[in-house]
Amino acid sequence: MQLEDFVRLTFTSGNVGRETILSNKERIHFYNFAASMAEDAFIHLIYAGSFHFTSSCTFVLEMQPCFQFLYPYEGKLEITCSDGCSYNCQPGHILFLSPSDTYHFRIKSGQCRFFQAGFSGAALKTYRNFLPCDITYSSSGSGVSCLSDCIDHLLRHVLYHSEADMVMYSKWINDMLTELSVYEAESTRQRDLIPSYMLEMKELFDQEYQESYTLEALEQHFGKSRYRLCREFSQYFGQSPIQYLNHRRIEAAKILLLSTDLSIHEVGSSVGIENTNHFINLFKKETGATPLVFKQEAPVAISELHYPYAPDAHRQ
């Protein structure tokens, strides 16, 4: 089945140029689809793409029914399904929509970017029971998030060459939906049970990751023993303080690598890692690639995902 057999796009209003249409078409990659996949134990990636609109418009997508996943990183859009249900999608929200054969899209802001993918598989029915259609989500509030890395994998557009490839894609999608399910479950509990000094410590790492931290300084700042701080941080956020801090630094380094011409040393220094060799080793451990390889091999779609608010940054 070709992409044209799977989905049909019809613009109904707005001035959308041919270049925009062709550019978005190039950003989408179709894998395979069969109705039997809906009952398969694995989760199948049907299509994935990172889309960009520069003006308000409306359009209709008619497609073979599969679960829809939308992750916006700039702008606002409204989606109405064939059952009449409408959803607003904007940064801080993720849409996980049940299969429908028609979707009406309304781009409500001039500049709009979002990741969209279609999934099929029996396990999705279970996730449907855990997750609402509109998920309020903040990666900075979810401990150590795998969502961005998993989307990176889905955007790399690697064709299935074996059953092992299919299993890997199923794993990445499962990881995304599992994280969202856990996040959603935690959001219904009393988050204020986390001690305020733990939240403050995490906020420091999230917002001021470029600063230099020592356990001794943290101990003095919070008036708690370093052992207690490490134990409780791991308990509440799933990683030790240094592991979490390094993760935040590497995430920030990805953005700099994809959006600036800074040298590897300058990128490391900017995120708080002065030793270049140490920075390279940490980056490779976190991403599986050195900073230089990551910068050179990242597709444009991934560049835009990591730096959505500067439309031409990846072209510098």
C-alpha atoms as a PDB file:
ATOM      1  CA  MET A   1       0.000   0.000   0.000  1.00  0.00           C
ATOM      2  CA  GLN A   2       1.308   3.433  -0.971  1.00  0.00           C
ATOM      3  CA  LEU A   3       0.881   6.596   1.101  1.00  0.00           C
ATOM      4  CA  GLU A   4      -1.701   7.895  -1.372  1.00  0.00           C
ATOM      5  CA  ASP A   5      -3.760   4.747  -0.755  1.00  0.00           C
ATOM      6  CA  PHE A   6      -3.632   5.269   2.990  1.00  0.00           C
ATOM      7  CA  VAL A   7      -4.447   8.955   3.380  1.00  0.00           C
ATOM      8  CA  ARG A   8      -6.074  11.723   1.343  1.00  0.00           C
ATOM      9  CA  LEU A   9      -5.508  15.388   2.154  1.00  0.00           C
ATOM     10  CA  THR A  10      -7.941  18.127   1.131  1.00  0.00           C
ATOM     11  CA  PHE A  11      -7.398  21.803   2.003  1.00  0.00           C
ATOM     12  CA  THR A  12     -10.666  23.638   2.614  1.00  0.00           C
ATOM     13  CA  SER A  13      -9.498  27.151   3.547  1.00  0.00           C
ATOM     14  CA  GLY A  14      -6.398  29.237   3.981  1.00  0.00           C
ATOM     15  CA  ASN A  15      -3.581  30.221   1.661  1.00  0.00           C
ATOM     16  CA  VAL A  16      -1.195  27.270   1.767  1.00  0.00           C
ATOM     17  CA  GLY A  17       1.471  27.312  -0.907  1.00  0.00           C
ATOM     18  CA  ARG A  18       2.534  24.347  -2.976  1.00  0.00           C
ATOM     19  CA  GLU A  19       5.987  24.500  -1.365  1.00  0.00           C
ATOM     20  CA  THR A  20       4.469  24.008   2.090  1.00  0.00           C
ATOM     21  CA  ILE A  21       2.403  21.068   0.889  1.00  0.00           C
ATOM     22  CA  LEU A  22       5.363  19.362  -0.775  1.00  0.00           C
ATOM     23  CA  SER A  23       7.636  20.074   2.181  1.00  0.00           C
ATOM     24  CA  ASN A  24       5.197  18.483   4.627  1.00  0.00           C
ATOM     25  CA  LYS A  25       4.706  15.533   2.316  1.00  0.00           C
ATOM     26  CA  GLU A  26       8.452  14.942   2.326  1.00  0.00           C
ATOM     27  CA  ARG A  27       8.436  14.959   6.123  1.00  0.00           C
ATOM     28  CA  ILE A  28       6.019  12.052   6.418  1.00  0.00           C
ATOM     29  CA  HIS A  29       7.139   8.457   6.061  1.00  0.00           C
ATOM     30  CA  PHE A  30       4.713   5.606   5.557  1.00  0.00           C
ATOM     31  CA  TYR A  31       5.671   2.107   6.681  1.00  0.00           C
ATOM     32  CA  ASN A  32       2.947  -0.465   6.128  1.00  0.00           C
ATOM     33  CA  PHE A  33      -0.658  -1.052   6.961  1.00  0.00           C
ATOM     34  CA  ALA A  34      -2.976  -4.031   7.186  1.00  0.00           C
ATOM     35  CA  ALA A  35      -6.287  -4.227   9.007  1.00  0.00           C
ATOM     36  CA  SER A  36      -5.041  -7.353  10.823  1.00  0.00           C
ATOM     37  CA  MET A  37      -2.433  -5.239  12.648  1.00  0.00           C
ATOM     38  CA  ALA A  38      -5.173  -3.947  14.939  1.00  0.00           C
ATOM     39  CA  GLU A  39      -5.243  -7.363  16.641  1.00  0.00           C
ATOM     40  CA  ASP A  40      -1.471  -7.912  16.660  1.00  0.00           C
ATOM     41  CA  ALA A  41       0.352  -8.199  19.994  1.00  0.00           C
ATOM     42  CA  PHE A  42       2.982  -5.714  18.786  1.00  0.00           C
ATOM     43  CA  ILE A  43       2.399  -2.009  18.241  1.00  0.00           C
ATOM     44  CA  HIS A  44       3.036  -1.093  14.630  1.00  0.00           C
ATOM     45  CA  LEU A  45       4.230   2.288  13.405  1.00  0.00           C
ATOM     46  CA  ILE A  46       2.063   3.094  10.398  1.00  0.00           C
ATOM     47  CA  TYR A  47       3.439   6.548   9.612  1.00  0.00           C
ATOM     48  CA  ALA A  48       5.366   9.361  11.324  1.00  0.00           C
ATOM     49  CA  GLY A  49       6.312  12.895  10.433  1.00  0.00           C
ATOM     50  CA  SER A  50       7.188  16.348  11.742  1.00  0.00           C
ATOM     51  CA  PHE A  51       4.956  18.999  10.178  1.00  0.00           C
ATOM     52  CA  HIS A  52       5.270  22.747   9.745  1.00  0.00           C
ATOM     53  CA  PHE A  53       2.658  25.323   8.746  1.00  0.00           C
ATOM     54  CA  THR A  54       3.345  29.059   8.480  1.00  0.00           C
ATOM     55  CA  SER A  55      -0.212  30.316   8.096  1.00  0.00           C
ATOM     56  CA  SER A  56      -3.664  29.559   9.436  1.00  0.00           C
ATOM     57  CA  CYS A  57      -5.627  27.027   7.397  1.00  0.00           C
ATOM     58  CA  THR A  58      -8.064  24.131   7.598  1.00  0.00           C
ATOM     59  CA  PHE A  59      -7.811  20.742   5.932  1.00  0.00           C
ATOM     60  CA  VAL A  60      -9.359  17.298   6.032  1.00  0.00           C
ATOM     61  CA  LEU A  61      -7.442  14.024   6.429  1.00  0.00           C
ATOM     62  CA  GLU A  62      -9.213  10.894   5.296  1.00  0.00           C
ATOM     63  CA  MET A  63      -7.299   7.744   6.168  1.00  0.00           C
ATOM     64  CA  GLN A  64      -7.369   4.099   7.108  1.00  0.00           C
ATOM     65  CA  PRO A  65      -8.385   4.026  10.807  1.00  0.00           C
ATOM     66  CA  CYS A  66      -5.493   3.829  13.252  1.00  0.00           C
ATOM     67  CA  PHE A  67      -4.614   5.465  16.576  1.00  0.00           C
ATOM     68  CA  GLN A  68      -3.296   9.018  16.178  1.00  0.00           C
ATOM     69  CA  PHE A  69      -0.534  10.543  18.308  1.00  0.00           C
ATOM     70  CA  LEU A  70       0.140  14.293  18.121  1.00  0.00           C
ATOM     71  CA  TYR A  71       2.852  16.171  20.006  1.00  0.00           C
ATOM     72  CA  PRO A  72       2.830  19.945  19.300  1.00  0.00           C
ATOM     73  CA  TYR A  73       5.919  22.025  19.935  1.00  0.00           C
ATOM     74  CA  GLU A  74       4.747  25.367  18.567  1.00  0.00           C
ATOM     75  CA  GLY A  75       1.403  26.955  17.764  1.00  0.00           C
ATOM     76  CA  LYS A  76      -2.177  25.828  18.174  1.00  0.00           C
ATOM     77  CA  LEU A  77      -4.396  23.482  16.222  1.00  0.00           C
ATOM     78  CA  GLU A  78      -7.865  22.065  16.612  1.00  0.00           C
ATOM     79  CA  ILE A  79      -8.827  18.575  15.494  1.00  0.00           C
ATOM     80  CA  THR A  80     -12.373  17.309  15.009  1.00  0.00           C
ATOM     81  CA  CYS A  81     -12.916  13.567  14.523  1.00  0.00           C
ATOM     82  CA  SER A  82     -15.667  11.954  12.489  1.00  0.00           C
ATOM     83  CA  ASP A  83     -17.581  11.238  15.722  1.00  0.00           C
ATOM     84  CA  GLY A  84     -17.890  15.006  16.274  1.00  0.00           C
ATOM     85  CA  CYS A  85     -15.436  15.221  19.195  1.00  0.00           C
ATOM     86  CA  SER A  86     -13.052  18.202  19.016  1.00  0.00           C
ATOM     87  CA  TYR A  87      -9.676  18.647  20.703  1.00  0.00           C
ATOM     88  CA  ASN A  88      -7.381  21.649  21.057  1.00  0.00           C
ATOM     89  CA  CYS A  89      -3.713  20.829  20.753  1.00  0.00           C
ATOM     90  CA  GLN A  90      -0.891  23.135  21.836  1.00  0.00           C
ATOM     91  CA  PRO A  91       2.446  22.882  23.662  1.00  0.00           C
ATOM     92  CA  GLY A  92       1.923  21.257  27.038  1.00  0.00           C
ATOM     93  CA  HIS A  93      -0.704  18.900  25.609  1.00  0.00           C
ATOM     94  CA  ILE A  94      -0.483  15.593  23.747  1.00  0.00           C
ATOM     95  CA  LEU A  95      -3.350  14.080  21.797  1.00  0.00           C
ATOM     96  CA  PHE A  96      -3.830  10.299  21.712  1.00  0.00           C
ATOM     97  CA  LEU A  97      -6.877   9.706  19.543  1.00  0.00           C
ATOM     98  CA  SER A  98      -8.819   6.537  18.846  1.00  0.00           C
ATOM     99  CA  PRO A  99      -9.108   5.342  15.239  1.00  0.00           C
ATOM    100  CA  SER A 100     -11.288   7.439  12.962  1.00  0.00           C
ATOM    101  CA  ASP A 101     -11.562   7.597   9.197  1.00  0.00           C
ATOM    102  CA  THR A 102     -11.772  11.394   8.968  1.00  0.00           C
ATOM    103  CA  TYR A 103     -10.040  14.235  10.853  1.00  0.00           C
ATOM    104  CA  HIS A 104     -10.678  17.939  10.336  1.00  0.00           C
ATOM    105  CA  PHE A 105      -7.590  20.026  11.158  1.00  0.00           C
ATOM    106  CA  ARG A 106      -7.699  23.726  11.860  1.00  0.00           C
ATOM    107  CA  ILE A 107      -4.326  25.467  12.213  1.00  0.00           C
ATOM    108  CA  LYS A 108      -5.244  28.333  14.552  1.00  0.00           C
ATOM    109  CA  SER A 109      -1.891  30.126  14.659  1.00  0.00           C
ATOM    110  CA  GLY A 110       0.301  31.330  11.833  1.00  0.00           C
ATOM    111  CA  GLN A 111       3.313  29.339  12.942  1.00  0.00           C
ATOM    112  CA  CYS A 112       2.516  25.742  13.866  1.00  0.00           C
ATOM    113  CA  ARG A 113       4.781  22.710  14.223  1.00  0.00           C
ATOM    114  CA  PHE A 114       3.880  19.283  15.469  1.00  0.00           C
ATOM    115  CA  PHE A 115       4.890  15.634  15.433  1.00  0.00           C
ATOM    116  CA  GLN A 116       2.211  13.218  14.273  1.00  0.00           C
ATOM    117  CA  ALA A 117       2.217   9.436  13.999  1.00  0.00           C
ATOM    118  CA  GLY A 118      -0.235   6.611  13.417  1.00  0.00           C
ATOM    119  CA  PHE A 119      -0.123   3.380  15.431  1.00  0.00           C
ATOM    120  CA  SER A 120      -1.939   0.065  15.229  1.00  0.00           C
ATOM    121  CA  GLY A 121      -1.981  -2.928  17.574  1.00  0.00           C
ATOM    122  CA  ALA A 122      -4.103  -4.644  20.199  1.00  0.00           C
ATOM    123  CA  ALA A 123      -2.067  -3.187  23.097  1.00  0.00           C
ATOM    124  CA  LEU A 124      -3.286   0.291  22.176  1.00  0.00           C
ATOM    125  CA  LYS A 125      -6.743  -0.608  23.431  1.00  0.00           C
ATOM    126  CA  THR A 126      -5.233  -1.132  26.894  1.00  0.00           C
ATOM    127  CA  TYR A 127      -3.433   2.224  26.762  1.00  0.00           C
ATOM    128  CA  ARG A 128      -6.740   3.781  25.687  1.00  0.00           C
ATOM    129  CA  ASN A 129      -8.166   2.693  29.057  1.00  0.00           C
ATOM    130  CA  PHE A 130      -5.309   4.440  30.918  1.00  0.00           C
ATOM    131  CA  LEU A 131      -4.974   7.599  28.892  1.00  0.00           C
ATOM    132  CA  PRO A 132      -7.396  10.419  28.064  1.00  0.00           C
ATOM    133  CA  CYS A 133      -7.526  11.722  24.516  1.00  0.00           C
ATOM    134  CA  ASP A 134      -6.042  15.050  25.643  1.00  0.00           C
ATOM    135  CA  ILE A 135      -3.039  14.520  27.924  1.00  0.00           C
ATOM    136  CA  THR A 136      -1.656  17.490  29.826  1.00  0.00           C
ATOM    137  CA  TYR A 137       2.063  16.796  29.824  1.00  0.00           C
ATOM    138  CA  SER A 138       5.290  18.548  30.773  1.00  0.00           C
ATOM    139  CA  SER A 139       8.593  16.745  30.236  1.00  0.00           C
ATOM    140  CA  SER A 140      10.200  18.873  32.961  1.00  0.00           C
ATOM    141  CA  GLY A 141       7.604  17.603  35.409  1.00  0.00           C
ATOM    142  CA  SER A 142       7.892  13.940  34.528  1.00  0.00           C
ATOM    143  CA  GLY A 143      11.217  12.988  36.088  1.00  0.00           C
ATOM    144  CA  VAL A 144      13.548  11.689  33.372  1.00  0.00           C
ATOM    145  CA  SER A 145      11.540  11.715  30.157  1.00  0.00           C
ATOM    146  CA  CYS A 146      12.169   9.272  27.301  1.00  0.00           C
ATOM    147  CA  LEU A 147       9.537  10.859  25.078  1.00  0.00           C
ATOM    148  CA  SER A 148      11.855  13.103  23.064  1.00  0.00           C
ATOM    149  CA  ASP A 149      14.361  10.303  22.437  1.00  0.00           C
ATOM    150  CA  CYS A 150      11.624   7.903  21.328  1.00  0.00           C
ATOM    151  CA  ILE A 151      10.208  10.478  18.907  1.00  0.00           C
ATOM    152  CA  ASP A 152      13.736  10.956  17.568  1.00  0.00           C
ATOM    153  CA  HIS A 153      13.847   7.241  16.781  1.00  0.00           C
ATOM    154  CA  LEU A 154      10.464   7.313  15.046  1.00  0.00           C
ATOM    155  CA  LEU A 155      11.561  10.278  12.922  1.00  0.00           C
ATOM    156  CA  ARG A 156      14.717   8.617  11.654  1.00  0.00           C
ATOM    157  CA  HIS A 157      12.622   6.866   8.992  1.00  0.00           C
ATOM    158  CA  VAL A 158      14.484   3.556   9.055  1.00  0.00           C
ATOM    159  CA  LEU A 159      12.655   1.000   6.945  1.00  0.00           C
ATOM    160  CA  TYR A 160      11.813  -2.368   8.439  1.00  0.00           C
ATOM    161  CA  HIS A 161      14.439  -4.843   7.271  1.00  0.00           C
ATOM    162  CA  SER A 162      13.618  -7.591   9.744  1.00  0.00           C
ATOM    163  CA  GLU A 163      11.253  -8.591  12.511  1.00  0.00           C
ATOM    164  CA  ALA A 164      13.818  -7.185  14.954  1.00  0.00           C
ATOM    165  CA  ASP A 165      13.237  -3.712  13.468  1.00  0.00           C
ATOM    166  CA  MET A 166       9.501  -4.104  14.014  1.00  0.00           C
ATOM    167  CA  VAL A 167      10.135  -5.121  17.635  1.00  0.00           C
ATOM    168  CA  MET A 168      12.314  -2.035  18.219  1.00  0.00           C
ATOM    169  CA  TYR A 169       9.653   0.315  16.873  1.00  0.00           C
ATOM    170  CA  SER A 170       7.064  -1.422  19.033  1.00  0.00           C
ATOM    171  CA  LYS A 171       9.341  -0.935  22.067  1.00  0.00           C
ATOM    172  CA  TRP A 172       9.801   2.792  21.447  1.00  0.00           C
ATOM    173  CA  ILE A 173       6.063   3.354  21.097  1.00  0.00           C
ATOM    174  CA  ASN A 174       5.419   1.259  24.212  1.00  0.00           C
ATOM    175  CA  ASP A 175       8.003   3.332  26.096  1.00  0.00           C
ATOM    176  CA  MET A 176       6.256   6.557  25.084  1.00  0.00           C
ATOM    177  CA  LEU A 177       2.798   5.398  26.049  1.00  0.00           C
ATOM    178  CA  THR A 178       3.995   3.762  29.264  1.00  0.00           C
ATOM    179  CA  GLU A 179       5.652   7.008  30.347  1.00  0.00           C
ATOM    180  CA  LEU A 180       2.468   8.931  29.614  1.00  0.00           C
ATOM    181  CA  SER A 181       0.355   6.364  31.477  1.00  0.00           C
ATOM    182  CA  VAL A 182       2.572   6.583  34.559  1.00  0.00           C
ATOM    183  CA  TYR A 183       2.616  10.374  34.323  1.00  0.00           C
ATOM    184  CA  GLU A 184      -1.156  10.496  34.046  1.00  0.00           C
ATOM    185  CA  ALA A 185      -1.567   8.159  37.031  1.00  0.00           C
ATOM    186  CA  GLU A 186       0.802  10.254  39.135  1.00  0.00           C
ATOM    187  CA  SER A 187      -1.008  13.453  38.178  1.00  0.00           C
ATOM    188  CA  THR A 188      -4.150  12.095  39.824  1.00  0.00           C
ATOM    189  CA  ARG A 189      -2.310  11.575  43.096  1.00  0.00           C
ATOM    190  CA  GLN A 190      -1.158  14.212  45.543  1.00  0.00           C
ATOM    191  CA  ARG A 191       2.015  15.533  43.965  1.00  0.00           C
ATOM    192  CA  ASP A 192       2.504  17.807  46.962  1.00  0.00           C
ATOM    193  CA  LEU A 193       3.616  14.720  48.910  1.00  0.00           C
ATOM    194  CA  ILE A 194       7.022  15.315  47.322  1.00  0.00           C
ATOM    195  CA  PRO A 195       8.980  17.455  49.797  1.00  0.00           C
ATOM    196  CA  SER A 196       9.326  21.076  48.720  1.00  0.00           C
ATOM    197  CA  TYR A 197      13.136  20.929  48.920  1.00  0.00           C
ATOM    198  CA  MET A 198      13.105  18.020  46.450  1.00  0.00           C
ATOM    199  CA  LEU A 199      11.004  20.026  44.013  1.00  0.00           C
ATOM    200  CA  GLU A 200      13.313  23.011  44.469  1.00  0.00           C
ATOM    201  CA  MET A 201      16.370  20.841  43.830  1.00  0.00           C
ATOM    202  CA  LYS A 202      14.850  19.445  40.638  1.00  0.00           C
ATOM    203  CA  GLU A 203      13.872  22.961  39.545  1.00  0.00           C
ATOM    204  CA  LEU A 204      17.486  24.073  39.997  1.00  0.00           C
ATOM    205  CA  PHE A 205      18.672  21.266  37.733  1.00  0.00           C
ATOM    206  CA  ASP A 206      15.951  21.963  35.166  1.00  0.00           C
ATOM    207  CA  GLN A 207      16.487  25.724  34.945  1.00  0.00           C
ATOM    208  CA  GLU A 208      20.117  26.243  35.989  1.00  0.00           C
ATOM    209  CA  TYR A 209      21.791  23.065  34.735  1.00  0.00           C
ATOM    210  CA  GLN A 210      24.791  25.075  33.502  1.00  0.00           C
ATOM    211  CA  GLU A 211      25.818  25.904  37.069  1.00  0.00           C
ATOM    212  CA  SER A 212      28.382  23.872  39.013  1.00  0.00           C
ATOM    213  CA  TYR A 213      26.930  21.712  41.806  1.00  0.00           C
ATOM    214  CA  THR A 214      28.551  19.644  44.518  1.00  0.00           C
ATOM    215  CA  LEU A 215      26.870  17.419  47.077  1.00  0.00           C
ATOM    216  CA  GLU A 216      28.502  19.493  49.796  1.00  0.00           C
ATOM    217  CA  ALA A 217      27.021  22.721  48.438  1.00  0.00           C
ATOM    218  CA  LEU A 218      23.577  21.114  48.037  1.00  0.00           C
ATOM    219  CA  GLU A 219      23.814  19.784  51.584  1.00  0.00           C
ATOM    220  CA  GLN A 220      24.506  23.265  52.920  1.00  0.00           C
ATOM    221  CA  HIS A 221      21.844  24.903  50.745  1.00  0.00           C
ATOM    222  CA  PHE A 222      19.009  22.582  51.748  1.00  0.00           C
ATOM    223  CA  GLY A 223      20.134  21.781  55.284  1.00  0.00           C
ATOM    224  CA  LYS A 224      19.821  18.051  54.613  1.00  0.00           C
ATOM    225  CA  SER A 225      22.521  15.423  54.525  1.00  0.00           C
ATOM    226  CA  ARG A 226      23.900  14.569  51.096  1.00  0.00           C
ATOM    227  CA  TYR A 227      22.943  10.925  51.633  1.00  0.00           C
ATOM    228  CA  ARG A 228      19.337  11.875  52.300  1.00  0.00           C
ATOM    229  CA  LEU A 229      19.238  14.170  49.281  1.00  0.00           C
ATOM    230  CA  CYS A 230      20.583  11.449  46.980  1.00  0.00           C
ATOM    231  CA  ARG A 231      18.301   8.769  48.407  1.00  0.00           C
ATOM    232  CA  GLU A 232      15.148  10.864  48.229  1.00  0.00           C
ATOM    233  CA  PHE A 233      15.903  12.347  44.801  1.00  0.00           C
ATOM    234  CA  SER A 234      16.305   8.832  43.385  1.00  0.00           C
ATOM    235  CA  GLN A 235      13.117   7.759  45.141  1.00  0.00           C
ATOM    236  CA  TYR A 236      10.993  10.582  43.718  1.00  0.00           C
ATOM    237  CA  PHE A 237      12.544  11.135  40.294  1.00  0.00           C
ATOM    238  CA  GLY A 238      13.991   7.760  39.324  1.00  0.00           C
ATOM    239  CA  GLN A 239      17.655   8.802  39.032  1.00  0.00           C
ATOM    240  CA  SER A 240      20.409  10.067  41.263  1.00  0.00           C
ATOM    241  CA  PRO A 241      20.920  13.853  41.292  1.00  0.00           C
ATOM    242  CA  ILE A 242      24.059  13.671  39.143  1.00  0.00           C
ATOM    243  CA  GLN A 243      22.406  11.334  36.628  1.00  0.00           C
ATOM    244  CA  TYR A 244      19.402  13.614  36.326  1.00  0.00           C
ATOM    245  CA  LEU A 245      21.570  16.740  36.038  1.00  0.00           C
ATOM    246  CA  ASN A 246      23.686  15.159  33.295  1.00  0.00           C
ATOM    247  CA  HIS A 247      20.538  14.123  31.433  1.00  0.00           C
ATOM    248  CA  ARG A 248      19.252  17.705  31.502  1.00  0.00           C
ATOM    249  CA  ARG A 249      22.636  18.981  30.321  1.00  0.00           C
ATOM    250  CA  ILE A 250      22.751  16.559  27.393  1.00  0.00           C
ATOM    251  CA  GLU A 251      19.190  17.474  26.378  1.00  0.00           C
ATOM    252  CA  ALA A 252      20.206  21.145  26.358  1.00  0.00           C
ATOM    253  CA  ALA A 253      23.371  20.265  24.427  1.00  0.00           C
ATOM    254  CA  LYS A 254      21.275  18.583  21.719  1.00  0.00           C
ATOM    255  CA  ILE A 255      19.408  21.826  21.139  1.00  0.00           C
ATOM    256  CA  LEU A 256      22.627  23.830  20.892  1.00  0.00           C
ATOM    257  CA  LEU A 257      24.190  21.318  18.502  1.00  0.00           C
ATOM    258  CA  LEU A 258      21.167  21.447  16.200  1.00  0.00           C
ATOM    259  CA  SER A 259      20.558  25.187  16.337  1.00  0.00           C
ATOM    260  CA  THR A 260      23.958  26.900  16.577  1.00  0.00           C
ATOM    261  CA  ASP A 261      27.454  26.769  15.112  1.00  0.00           C
ATOM    262  CA  LEU A 262      29.138  26.509  18.526  1.00  0.00           C
ATOM    263  CA  SER A 263      32.115  24.186  18.763  1.00  0.00           C
ATOM    264  CA  ILE A 264      31.844  20.957  20.744  1.00  0.00           C
ATOM    265  CA  HIS A 265      33.848  22.524  23.575  1.00  0.00           C
ATOM    266  CA  GLU A 266      31.632  25.617  23.593  1.00  0.00           C
ATOM    267  CA  VAL A 267      28.493  23.502  23.714  1.00  0.00           C
ATOM    268  CA  GLY A 268      29.857  21.486  26.645  1.00  0.00           C
ATOM    269  CA  SER A 269      30.856  24.629  28.518  1.00  0.00           C
ATOM    270  CA  SER A 270      27.456  26.223  27.859  1.00  0.00           C
ATOM    271  CA  VAL A 271      25.652  23.354  29.586  1.00  0.00           C
ATOM    272  CA  GLY A 272      28.043  23.195  32.537  1.00  0.00           C
ATOM    273  CA  ILE A 273      30.570  20.543  31.437  1.00  0.00           C
ATOM    274  CA  GLU A 274      33.940  22.212  30.999  1.00  0.00           C
ATOM    275  CA  ASN A 275      35.986  19.079  30.269  1.00  0.00           C
ATOM    276  CA  THR A 276      35.432  18.350  26.570  1.00  0.00           C
ATOM    277  CA  ASN A 277      36.403  14.688  26.735  1.00  0.00           C
ATOM    278  CA  HIS A 278      34.054  14.177  29.678  1.00  0.00           C
ATOM    279  CA  PHE A 279      31.288  15.936  27.753  1.00  0.00           C
ATOM    280  CA  ILE A 280      31.825  13.746  24.680  1.00  0.00           C
ATOM    281  CA  ASN A 281      31.786  10.574  26.803  1.00  0.00           C
ATOM    282  CA  LEU A 282      28.612  11.614  28.638  1.00  0.00           C
ATOM    283  CA  PHE A 283      26.913  12.590  25.385  1.00  0.00           C
ATOM    284  CA  LYS A 284      27.764   9.276  23.726  1.00  0.00           C
ATOM    285  CA  LYS A 285      26.612   7.319  26.759  1.00  0.00           C
ATOM    286  CA  GLU A 286      23.290   9.178  26.741  1.00  0.00           C
ATOM    287  CA  THR A 287      22.586   9.194  22.986  1.00  0.00           C
ATOM    288  CA  GLY A 288      24.736   6.459  21.473  1.00  0.00           C
ATOM    289  CA  ALA A 289      26.602   8.962  19.281  1.00  0.00           C
ATOM    290  CA  THR A 290      29.296  11.567  19.748  1.00  0.00           C
ATOM    291  CA  PRO A 291      28.177  15.216  19.599  1.00  0.00           C
ATOM    292  CA  LEU A 292      29.718  15.657  16.145  1.00  0.00           C
ATOM    293  CA  VAL A 293      28.023  12.566  14.691  1.00  0.00           C
ATOM    294  CA  PHE A 294      24.708  13.584  16.271  1.00  0.00           C
ATOM    295  CA  LYS A 295      24.958  17.050  14.692  1.00  0.00           C
ATOM    296  CA  GLN A 296      25.963  15.757  11.265  1.00  0.00           C
ATOM    297  CA  GLU A 297      23.459  12.928  10.967  1.00  0.00           C
ATOM    298  CA  ALA A 298      20.328  14.426  12.558  1.00  0.00           C
ATOM    299  CA  PRO A 299      17.575  14.823   9.917  1.00  0.00           C
ATOM    300  CA  VAL A 300      15.944  18.225   9.543  1.00  0.00           C
ATOM    301  CA  ALA A 301      12.774  16.870  11.159  1.00  0.00           C
ATOM    302  CA  ILE A 302      14.681  16.054  14.342  1.00  0.00           C
ATOM    303  CA  SER A 303      16.421  19.426  14.285  1.00  0.00           C
ATOM    304  CA  GLU A 304      13.059  21.153  14.222  1.00  0.00           C
ATOM    305  CA  LEU A 305      11.735  18.973  17.028  1.00  0.00           C
ATOM    306  CA  HIS A 306      14.605  19.999  19.282  1.00  0.00           C
ATOM    307  CA  TYR A 307      14.542  23.671  18.319  1.00  0.00           C
ATOM    308  CA  PRO A 308      10.992  24.465  17.274  1.00  0.00           C
ATOM    309  CA  TYR A 309      10.946  28.195  17.990  1.00  0.00           C
ATOM    310  CA  ALA A 310      13.585  29.244  15.479  1.00  0.00           C
ATOM    311  CA  PRO A 311      12.203  28.242  12.080  1.00  0.00           C
ATOM    312  CA  ASP A 312      15.430  28.763  10.162  1.00  0.00           C
ATOM    313  CA  ALA A 313      17.938  27.775  12.836  1.00  0.00           C
ATOM    314  CA  HIS A 314      18.755  24.422  11.261  1.00  0.00           C
ATOM    315  CA  ARG A 315      19.583  26.113   7.970  1.00  0.00           C
ATOM    316  CA  GLN A 316      22.326  28.303   9.396  1.00  0.00           C
END
